[in-house]
């Protein structure tokens, strides 16, 4: 993510074991600045 030239687009594969936690997962990736403006 420190690479200024890179577009980093995390892919979340959604299944039974993580669908309930999508808000928590996305929120953490925002905190890590992986998901960003």
ModelCIF file with pLDDT and N, C-alpha, C, O atoms, coordinates in Angstrom:
data_MODEL
#
_entry.id   MODEL 
#
_entity.id                         1 
_entity.type                       polymer 
_entity.pdbx_number_of_molecules   1 
#
_entity_poly.entity_id                      1 
_entity_poly.type                           'polypeptide(L)' 
_entity_poly.nstd_linkage                   no 
_entity_poly.nstd_monomer                   no 
_entity_poly.pdbx_seq_one_letter_code       
;(UNK)(UNK)(UNK)(UNK)(UNK)(UNK)(UNK)(UNK)(UNK)(UNK)(UNK)(UNK)(UNK)(UNK)(UNK)(UNK)
(UNK)(UNK)(UNK)(UNK)(UNK)(UNK)(UNK)(UNK)(UNK)(UNK)(UNK)(UNK)(UNK)(UNK)(UNK)(UNK)
(UNK)(UNK)(UNK)(UNK)(UNK)
;
_entity_poly.pdbx_seq_one_letter_code_can   XXXXXXXXXXXXXXXXXXXXXXXXXXXXXXXXXXXXX 
_entity_poly.pdbx_strand_id                 A 
#
loop_
_entity_poly_seq.entity_id 
_entity_poly_seq.num 
_entity_poly_seq.mon_id 
_entity_poly_seq.hetero 
1 1  UNK n 
1 2  UNK n 
1 3  UNK n 
1 4  UNK n 
1 5  UNK n 
1 6  UNK n 
1 7  UNK n 
1 8  UNK n 
1 9  UNK n 
1 10 UNK n 
1 11 UNK n 
1 12 UNK n 
1 13 UNK n 
1 14 UNK n 
1 15 UNK n 
1 16 UNK n 
1 17 UNK n 
1 18 UNK n 
1 19 UNK n 
1 20 UNK n 
1 21 UNK n 
1 22 UNK n 
1 23 UNK n 
1 24 UNK n 
1 25 UNK n 
1 26 UNK n 
1 27 UNK n 
1 28 UNK n 
1 29 UNK n 
1 30 UNK n 
1 31 UNK n 
1 32 UNK n 
1 33 UNK n 
1 34 UNK n 
1 35 UNK n 
1 36 UNK n 
1 37 UNK n 
#
_struct_asym.id          A 
_struct_asym.entity_id   1 
#
loop_
_ma_qa_metric.id 
_ma_qa_metric.mode 
_ma_qa_metric.name 
_ma_qa_metric.software_group_id 
_ma_qa_metric.type 
1 global pLDDT . pLDDT 
2 local  pLDDT . pLDDT 
#
_ma_qa_metric_global.metric_id      1 
_ma_qa_metric_global.metric_value   94.24 
_ma_qa_metric_global.model_id       1 
_ma_qa_metric_global.ordinal_id     1 
#
loop_
_ma_qa_metric_local.label_asym_id 
_ma_qa_metric_local.label_comp_id 
_ma_qa_metric_local.label_seq_id 
_ma_qa_metric_local.metric_id 
_ma_qa_metric_local.metric_value 
_ma_qa_metric_local.model_id 
_ma_qa_metric_local.ordinal_id 
A UNK 1  2 94.00 1 1  
A UNK 2  2 95.00 1 2  
A UNK 3  2 95.00 1 3  
A UNK 4  2 92.00 1 4  
A UNK 5  2 94.00 1 5  
A UNK 6  2 93.00 1 6  
A UNK 7  2 91.00 1 7  
A UNK 8  2 93.00 1 8  
A UNK 9  2 93.00 1 9  
A UNK 10 2 95.00 1 10 
A UNK 11 2 95.00 1 11 
A UNK 12 2 96.00 1 12 
A UNK 13 2 96.00 1 13 
A UNK 14 2 98.00 1 14 
A UNK 15 2 98.00 1 15 
A UNK 16 2 98.00 1 16 
A UNK 17 2 97.00 1 17 
A UNK 18 2 98.00 1 18 
A UNK 19 2 98.00 1 19 
A UNK 20 2 98.00 1 20 
A UNK 21 2 98.00 1 21 
A UNK 22 2 98.00 1 22 
A UNK 23 2 98.00 1 23 
A UNK 24 2 98.00 1 24 
A UNK 25 2 98.00 1 25 
A UNK 26 2 96.00 1 26 
A UNK 27 2 96.00 1 27 
A UNK 28 2 97.00 1 28 
A UNK 29 2 96.00 1 29 
A UNK 30 2 93.00 1 30 
A UNK 31 2 94.00 1 31 
A UNK 32 2 95.00 1 32 
A UNK 33 2 92.00 1 33 
A UNK 34 2 94.00 1 34 
A UNK 35 2 91.00 1 35 
A UNK 36 2 81.00 1 36 
A UNK 37 2 65.00 1 37 
#
loop_
_atom_site.group_PDB 
_atom_site.id 
_atom_site.type_symbol 
_atom_site.label_atom_id 
_atom_site.label_alt_id 
_atom_site.label_comp_id 
_atom_site.label_asym_id 
_atom_site.label_entity_id 
_atom_site.label_seq_id 
_atom_site.pdbx_PDB_ins_code 
_atom_site.Cartn_x 
_atom_site.Cartn_y 
_atom_site.Cartn_z 
_atom_site.occupancy 
_atom_site.B_iso_or_equiv 
_atom_site.pdbx_formal_charge 
_atom_site.auth_seq_id 
_atom_site.auth_comp_id 
_atom_site.auth_asym_id 
_atom_site.auth_atom_id 
_atom_site.pdbx_PDB_model_num 
ATOM 1   N N  . UNK A 1 1  ? 0.818   -1.215  0.000  1.00 94.00 ? 1  UNK A N  1 
ATOM 2   C CA . UNK A 1 1  ? 0.000   0.000   0.000  1.00 94.00 ? 1  UNK A CA 1 
ATOM 3   C C  . UNK A 1 1  ? 0.852   1.265   0.000  1.00 94.00 ? 1  UNK A C  1 
ATOM 4   O O  . UNK A 1 1  ? 0.359   2.342   -0.334 1.00 94.00 ? 1  UNK A O  1 
ATOM 5   N N  . UNK A 1 2  ? 2.116   1.147   0.368  1.00 95.00 ? 2  UNK A N  1 
ATOM 6   C CA . UNK A 1 2  ? 3.024   2.288   0.334  1.00 95.00 ? 2  UNK A CA 1 
ATOM 7   C C  . UNK A 1 2  ? 3.474   2.625   -1.086 1.00 95.00 ? 2  UNK A C  1 
ATOM 8   O O  . UNK A 1 2  ? 4.015   3.705   -1.322 1.00 95.00 ? 2  UNK A O  1 
ATOM 9   N N  . UNK A 1 3  ? 3.255   1.710   -2.037 1.00 95.00 ? 3  UNK A N  1 
ATOM 10  C CA . UNK A 1 3  ? 3.610   1.973   -3.429 1.00 95.00 ? 3  UNK A CA 1 
ATOM 11  C C  . UNK A 1 3  ? 2.666   3.026   -3.992 1.00 95.00 ? 3  UNK A C  1 
ATOM 12  O O  . UNK A 1 3  ? 1.454   2.817   -4.034 1.00 95.00 ? 3  UNK A O  1 
ATOM 13  N N  . UNK A 1 4  ? 3.210   4.145   -4.421 1.00 92.00 ? 4  UNK A N  1 
ATOM 14  C CA . UNK A 1 4  ? 2.378   5.235   -4.913 1.00 92.00 ? 4  UNK A CA 1 
ATOM 15  C C  . UNK A 1 4  ? 1.737   4.928   -6.257 1.00 92.00 ? 4  UNK A C  1 
ATOM 16  O O  . UNK A 1 4  ? 0.741   5.553   -6.622 1.00 92.00 ? 4  UNK A O  1 
ATOM 17  N N  . UNK A 1 5  ? 2.293   3.970   -7.002 1.00 94.00 ? 5  UNK A N  1 
ATOM 18  C CA . UNK A 1 5  ? 1.782   3.658   -8.337 1.00 94.00 ? 5  UNK A CA 1 
ATOM 19  C C  . UNK A 1 5  ? 0.796   2.508   -8.359 1.00 94.00 ? 5  UNK A C  1 
ATOM 20  O O  . UNK A 1 5  ? 0.233   2.208   -9.412 1.00 94.00 ? 5  UNK A O  1 
ATOM 21  N N  . UNK A 1 6  ? 0.569   1.852   -7.225 1.00 93.00 ? 6  UNK A N  1 
ATOM 22  C CA . UNK A 1 6  ? -0.236  0.635   -7.193 1.00 93.00 ? 6  UNK A CA 1 
ATOM 23  C C  . UNK A 1 6  ? -1.686  0.923   -6.824 1.00 93.00 ? 6  UNK A C  1 
ATOM 24  O O  . UNK A 1 6  ? -1.962  1.712   -5.919 1.00 93.00 ? 6  UNK A O  1 
ATOM 25  N N  . UNK A 1 7  ? -2.597  0.285   -7.521 1.00 91.00 ? 7  UNK A N  1 
ATOM 26  C CA . UNK A 1 7  ? -3.992  0.222   -7.104 1.00 91.00 ? 7  UNK A CA 1 
ATOM 27  C C  . UNK A 1 7  ? -4.171  -1.096  -6.366 1.00 91.00 ? 7  UNK A C  1 
ATOM 28  O O  . UNK A 1 7  ? -4.050  -2.167  -6.962 1.00 91.00 ? 7  UNK A O  1 
ATOM 29  N N  . UNK A 1 8  ? -4.452  -1.023  -5.101 1.00 93.00 ? 8  UNK A N  1 
ATOM 30  C CA . UNK A 1 8  ? -4.623  -2.213  -4.265 1.00 93.00 ? 8  UNK A CA 1 
ATOM 31  C C  . UNK A 1 8  ? -6.111  -2.400  -4.025 1.00 93.00 ? 8  UNK A C  1 
ATOM 32  O O  . UNK A 1 8  ? -6.761  -1.553  -3.413 1.00 93.00 ? 8  UNK A O  1 
ATOM 33  N N  . UNK A 1 9  ? -6.651  -3.523  -4.512 1.00 93.00 ? 9  UNK A N  1 
ATOM 34  C CA . UNK A 1 9  ? -8.083  -3.798  -4.386 1.00 93.00 ? 9  UNK A CA 1 
ATOM 35  C C  . UNK A 1 9  ? -8.268  -5.146  -3.693 1.00 93.00 ? 9  UNK A C  1 
ATOM 36  O O  . UNK A 1 9  ? -8.267  -6.180  -4.362 1.00 93.00 ? 9  UNK A O  1 
ATOM 37  N N  . UNK A 1 10 ? -8.427  -5.159  -2.364 1.00 95.00 ? 10 UNK A N  1 
ATOM 38  C CA . UNK A 1 10 ? -8.626  -6.434  -1.686 1.00 95.00 ? 10 UNK A CA 1 
ATOM 39  C C  . UNK A 1 10 ? -9.902  -7.124  -2.134 1.00 95.00 ? 10 UNK A C  1 
ATOM 40  O O  . UNK A 1 10 ? -10.947 -6.492  -2.293 1.00 95.00 ? 10 UNK A O  1 
ATOM 41  N N  . UNK A 1 11 ? -9.800  -8.420  -2.334 1.00 95.00 ? 11 UNK A N  1 
ATOM 42  C CA . UNK A 1 11 ? -10.951 -9.223  -2.701 1.00 95.00 ? 11 UNK A CA 1 
ATOM 43  C C  . UNK A 1 11 ? -11.377 -10.091 -1.528 1.00 95.00 ? 11 UNK A C  1 
ATOM 44  O O  . UNK A 1 11 ? -10.574 -10.851 -0.987 1.00 95.00 ? 11 UNK A O  1 
ATOM 45  N N  . UNK A 1 12 ? -12.634 -9.980  -1.139 1.00 96.00 ? 12 UNK A N  1 
ATOM 46  C CA . UNK A 1 12 ? -13.178 -10.772 -0.046 1.00 96.00 ? 12 UNK A CA 1 
ATOM 47  C C  . UNK A 1 12 ? -14.111 -11.821 -0.629 1.00 96.00 ? 12 UNK A C  1 
ATOM 48  O O  . UNK A 1 12 ? -15.151 -11.486 -1.197 1.00 96.00 ? 12 UNK A O  1 
ATOM 49  N N  . UNK A 1 13 ? -13.745 -13.085 -0.490 1.00 96.00 ? 13 UNK A N  1 
ATOM 50  C CA . UNK A 1 13 ? -14.602 -14.173 -0.931 1.00 96.00 ? 13 UNK A CA 1 
ATOM 51  C C  . UNK A 1 13 ? -15.591 -14.480 0.183  1.00 96.00 ? 13 UNK A C  1 
ATOM 52  O O  . UNK A 1 13 ? -15.198 -14.858 1.286  1.00 96.00 ? 13 UNK A O  1 
ATOM 53  N N  . UNK A 1 14 ? -16.866 -14.317 -0.109 1.00 98.00 ? 14 UNK A N  1 
ATOM 54  C CA . UNK A 1 14 ? -17.907 -14.359 0.912  1.00 98.00 ? 14 UNK A CA 1 
ATOM 55  C C  . UNK A 1 14 ? -18.556 -15.734 0.944  1.00 98.00 ? 14 UNK A C  1 
ATOM 56  O O  . UNK A 1 14 ? -19.070 -16.226 -0.062 1.00 98.00 ? 14 UNK A O  1 
ATOM 57  N N  . UNK A 1 15 ? -18.521 -16.338 2.118  1.00 98.00 ? 15 UNK A N  1 
ATOM 58  C CA . UNK A 1 15 ? -19.178 -17.620 2.338  1.00 98.00 ? 15 UNK A CA 1 
ATOM 59  C C  . UNK A 1 15 ? -19.885 -17.625 3.673  1.00 98.00 ? 15 UNK A C  1 
ATOM 60  O O  . UNK A 1 15 ? -20.009 -16.591 4.330  1.00 98.00 ? 15 UNK A O  1 
ATOM 61  N N  . UNK A 1 16 ? -20.347 -18.797 4.069  1.00 98.00 ? 16 UNK A N  1 
ATOM 62  C CA . UNK A 1 16 ? -21.117 -18.910 5.305  1.00 98.00 ? 16 UNK A CA 1 
ATOM 63  C C  . UNK A 1 16 ? -20.326 -18.445 6.523  1.00 98.00 ? 16 UNK A C  1 
ATOM 64  O O  . UNK A 1 16 ? -20.890 -17.871 7.454  1.00 98.00 ? 16 UNK A O  1 
ATOM 65  N N  . UNK A 1 17 ? -19.021 -18.694 6.511  1.00 97.00 ? 17 UNK A N  1 
ATOM 66  C CA . UNK A 1 17 ? -18.198 -18.432 7.688  1.00 97.00 ? 17 UNK A CA 1 
ATOM 67  C C  . UNK A 1 17 ? -17.793 -16.972 7.891  1.00 97.00 ? 17 UNK A C  1 
ATOM 68  O O  . UNK A 1 17 ? -17.293 -16.626 8.961  1.00 97.00 ? 17 UNK A O  1 
ATOM 69  N N  . UNK A 1 18 ? -17.993 -16.110 6.900  1.00 98.00 ? 18 UNK A N  1 
ATOM 70  C CA . UNK A 1 18 ? -17.592 -14.718 7.098  1.00 98.00 ? 18 UNK A CA 1 
ATOM 71  C C  . UNK A 1 18 ? -18.643 -13.686 6.720  1.00 98.00 ? 18 UNK A C  1 
ATOM 72  O O  . UNK A 1 18 ? -18.422 -12.492 6.927  1.00 98.00 ? 18 UNK A O  1 
ATOM 73  N N  . UNK A 1 19 ? -19.788 -14.108 6.169  1.00 98.00 ? 19 UNK A N  1 
ATOM 74  C CA . UNK A 1 19 ? -20.767 -13.127 5.697  1.00 98.00 ? 19 UNK A CA 1 
ATOM 75  C C  . UNK A 1 19 ? -21.295 -12.264 6.839  1.00 98.00 ? 19 UNK A C  1 
ATOM 76  O O  . UNK A 1 19 ? -21.579 -11.084 6.636  1.00 98.00 ? 19 UNK A O  1 
ATOM 77  N N  . UNK A 1 20 ? -21.429 -12.831 8.031  1.00 98.00 ? 20 UNK A N  1 
ATOM 78  C CA . UNK A 1 20 ? -21.928 -12.055 9.156  1.00 98.00 ? 20 UNK A CA 1 
ATOM 79  C C  . UNK A 1 20 ? -20.924 -11.014 9.636  1.00 98.00 ? 20 UNK A C  1 
ATOM 80  O O  . UNK A 1 20 ? -21.281 -10.069 10.340 1.00 98.00 ? 20 UNK A O  1 
ATOM 81  N N  . UNK A 1 21 ? -19.678 -11.197 9.252  1.00 98.00 ? 21 UNK A N  1 
ATOM 82  C CA . UNK A 1 21 ? -18.609 -10.333 9.757  1.00 98.00 ? 21 UNK A CA 1 
ATOM 83  C C  . UNK A 1 21 ? -18.064 -9.353  8.714  1.00 98.00 ? 21 UNK A C  1 
ATOM 84  O O  . UNK A 1 21 ? -17.022 -8.733  8.928  1.00 98.00 ? 21 UNK A O  1 
ATOM 85  N N  . UNK A 1 22 ? -18.759 -9.214  7.598  1.00 98.00 ? 22 UNK A N  1 
ATOM 86  C CA . UNK A 1 22 ? -18.267 -8.284  6.590  1.00 98.00 ? 22 UNK A CA 1 
ATOM 87  C C  . UNK A 1 22 ? -18.057 -6.874  7.151  1.00 98.00 ? 22 UNK A C  1 
ATOM 88  O O  . UNK A 1 22 ? -17.049 -6.252  6.815  1.00 98.00 ? 22 UNK A O  1 
ATOM 89  N N  . UNK A 1 23 ? -18.945 -6.344  7.980  1.00 98.00 ? 23 UNK A N  1 
ATOM 90  C CA . UNK A 1 23 ? -18.679 -5.019  8.544  1.00 98.00 ? 23 UNK A CA 1 
ATOM 91  C C  . UNK A 1 23 ? -17.387 -4.957  9.347  1.00 98.00 ? 23 UNK A C  1 
ATOM 92  O O  . UNK A 1 23 ? -16.633 -3.990  9.240  1.00 98.00 ? 23 UNK A O  1 
ATOM 93  N N  . UNK A 1 24 ? -17.130 -5.982  10.150 1.00 98.00 ? 24 UNK A N  1 
ATOM 94  C CA . UNK A 1 24 ? -15.915 -5.989  10.961 1.00 98.00 ? 24 UNK A CA 1 
ATOM 95  C C  . UNK A 1 24 ? -14.659 -6.121  10.091 1.00 98.00 ? 24 UNK A C  1 
ATOM 96  O O  . UNK A 1 24 ? -13.648 -5.464  10.338 1.00 98.00 ? 24 UNK A O  1 
ATOM 97  N N  . UNK A 1 25 ? -14.742 -6.984  9.067  1.00 98.00 ? 25 UNK A N  1 
ATOM 98  C CA . UNK A 1 25 ? -13.592 -7.183  8.182  1.00 98.00 ? 25 UNK A CA 1 
ATOM 99  C C  . UNK A 1 25 ? -13.271 -5.899  7.429  1.00 98.00 ? 25 UNK A C  1 
ATOM 100 O O  . UNK A 1 25 ? -12.116 -5.475  7.382  1.00 98.00 ? 25 UNK A O  1 
ATOM 101 N N  . UNK A 1 26 ? -14.293 -5.280  6.840  1.00 96.00 ? 26 UNK A N  1 
ATOM 102 C CA . UNK A 1 26 ? -14.092 -4.057  6.058  1.00 96.00 ? 26 UNK A CA 1 
ATOM 103 C C  . UNK A 1 26 ? -13.588 -2.929  6.952  1.00 96.00 ? 26 UNK A C  1 
ATOM 104 O O  . UNK A 1 26 ? -12.700 -2.174  6.556  1.00 96.00 ? 26 UNK A O  1 
ATOM 105 N N  . UNK A 1 27 ? -14.146 -2.810  8.152  1.00 96.00 ? 27 UNK A N  1 
ATOM 106 C CA . UNK A 1 27 ? -13.711 -1.772  9.091  1.00 96.00 ? 27 UNK A CA 1 
ATOM 107 C C  . UNK A 1 27 ? -12.238 -1.929  9.438  1.00 96.00 ? 27 UNK A C  1 
ATOM 108 O O  . UNK A 1 27 ? -11.516 -0.935  9.522  1.00 96.00 ? 27 UNK A O  1 
ATOM 109 N N  . UNK A 1 28 ? -11.784 -3.155  9.639  1.00 97.00 ? 28 UNK A N  1 
ATOM 110 C CA . UNK A 1 28 ? -10.379 -3.386  9.956  1.00 97.00 ? 28 UNK A CA 1 
ATOM 111 C C  . UNK A 1 28 ? -9.484  -3.067  8.761  1.00 97.00 ? 28 UNK A C  1 
ATOM 112 O O  . UNK A 1 28 ? -8.390  -2.532  8.939  1.00 97.00 ? 28 UNK A O  1 
ATOM 113 N N  . UNK A 1 29 ? -9.930  -3.386  7.553  1.00 96.00 ? 29 UNK A N  1 
ATOM 114 C CA . UNK A 1 29 ? -9.138  -3.071  6.368  1.00 96.00 ? 29 UNK A CA 1 
ATOM 115 C C  . UNK A 1 29 ? -9.088  -1.567  6.123  1.00 96.00 ? 29 UNK A C  1 
ATOM 116 O O  . UNK A 1 29 ? -8.114  -1.064  5.564  1.00 96.00 ? 29 UNK A O  1 
ATOM 117 N N  . UNK A 1 30 ? -10.118 -0.853  6.532  1.00 93.00 ? 30 UNK A N  1 
ATOM 118 C CA . UNK A 1 30 ? -10.076 0.611   6.489  1.00 93.00 ? 30 UNK A CA 1 
ATOM 119 C C  . UNK A 1 30 ? -9.043  1.119   7.492  1.00 93.00 ? 30 UNK A C  1 
ATOM 120 O O  . UNK A 1 30 ? -8.248  2.007   7.184  1.00 93.00 ? 30 UNK A O  1 
ATOM 121 N N  . UNK A 1 31 ? -9.063  0.547   8.686  1.00 94.00 ? 31 UNK A N  1 
ATOM 122 C CA . UNK A 1 31 ? -8.103  0.968   9.714  1.00 94.00 ? 31 UNK A CA 1 
ATOM 123 C C  . UNK A 1 31 ? -6.667  0.737   9.260  1.00 94.00 ? 31 UNK A C  1 
ATOM 124 O O  . UNK A 1 31 ? -5.779  1.539   9.547  1.00 94.00 ? 31 UNK A O  1 
ATOM 125 N N  . UNK A 1 32 ? -6.447  -0.372  8.546  1.00 95.00 ? 32 UNK A N  1 
ATOM 126 C CA . UNK A 1 32 ? -5.113  -0.690  8.041  1.00 95.00 ? 32 UNK A CA 1 
ATOM 127 C C  . UNK A 1 32 ? -4.766  0.115   6.783  1.00 95.00 ? 32 UNK A C  1 
ATOM 128 O O  . UNK A 1 32 ? -3.668  -0.011  6.242  1.00 95.00 ? 32 UNK A O  1 
ATOM 129 N N  . UNK A 1 33 ? -5.712  0.943   6.327  1.00 92.00 ? 33 UNK A N  1 
ATOM 130 C CA . UNK A 1 33 ? -5.548  1.784   5.134  1.00 92.00 ? 33 UNK A CA 1 
ATOM 131 C C  . UNK A 1 33 ? -5.352  0.960   3.867  1.00 92.00 ? 33 UNK A C  1 
ATOM 132 O O  . UNK A 1 33 ? -4.704  1.402   2.918  1.00 92.00 ? 33 UNK A O  1 
ATOM 133 N N  . UNK A 1 34 ? -5.924  -0.250  3.864  1.00 94.00 ? 34 UNK A N  1 
ATOM 134 C CA . UNK A 1 34 ? -5.948  -1.077  2.663  1.00 94.00 ? 34 UNK A CA 1 
ATOM 135 C C  . UNK A 1 34 ? -7.151  -0.673  1.819  1.00 94.00 ? 34 UNK A C  1 
ATOM 136 O O  . UNK A 1 34 ? -7.037  -0.530  0.601  1.00 94.00 ? 34 UNK A O  1 
ATOM 137 N N  . UNK A 1 35 ? -8.294  -0.490  2.457  1.00 91.00 ? 35 UNK A N  1 
ATOM 138 C CA . UNK A 1 35 ? -9.444  0.119   1.810  1.00 91.00 ? 35 UNK A CA 1 
ATOM 139 C C  . UNK A 1 35 ? -9.363  1.613   2.088  1.00 91.00 ? 35 UNK A C  1 
ATOM 140 O O  . UNK A 1 35 ? -9.316  2.033   3.244  1.00 91.00 ? 35 UNK A O  1 
ATOM 141 N N  . UNK A 1 36 ? -9.347  2.417   1.024  1.00 81.00 ? 36 UNK A N  1 
ATOM 142 C CA . UNK A 1 36 ? -9.123  3.838   1.194  1.00 81.00 ? 36 UNK A CA 1 
ATOM 143 C C  . UNK A 1 36 ? -9.781  4.631   0.075  1.00 81.00 ? 36 UNK A C  1 
ATOM 144 O O  . UNK A 1 36 ? -10.261 4.069   -0.909 1.00 81.00 ? 36 UNK A O  1 
ATOM 145 N N  . UNK A 1 37 ? -9.792  5.937   0.244  1.00 65.00 ? 37 UNK A N  1 
ATOM 146 C CA . UNK A 1 37 ? -10.434 6.806   -0.726 1.00 65.00 ? 37 UNK A CA 1 
ATOM 147 C C  . UNK A 1 37 ? -9.666  6.894   -2.027 1.00 65.00 ? 37 UNK A C  1 
ATOM 148 O O  . UNK A 1 37 ? -10.087 7.594   -2.947 1.00 65.00 ? 37 UNK A O  1 
#
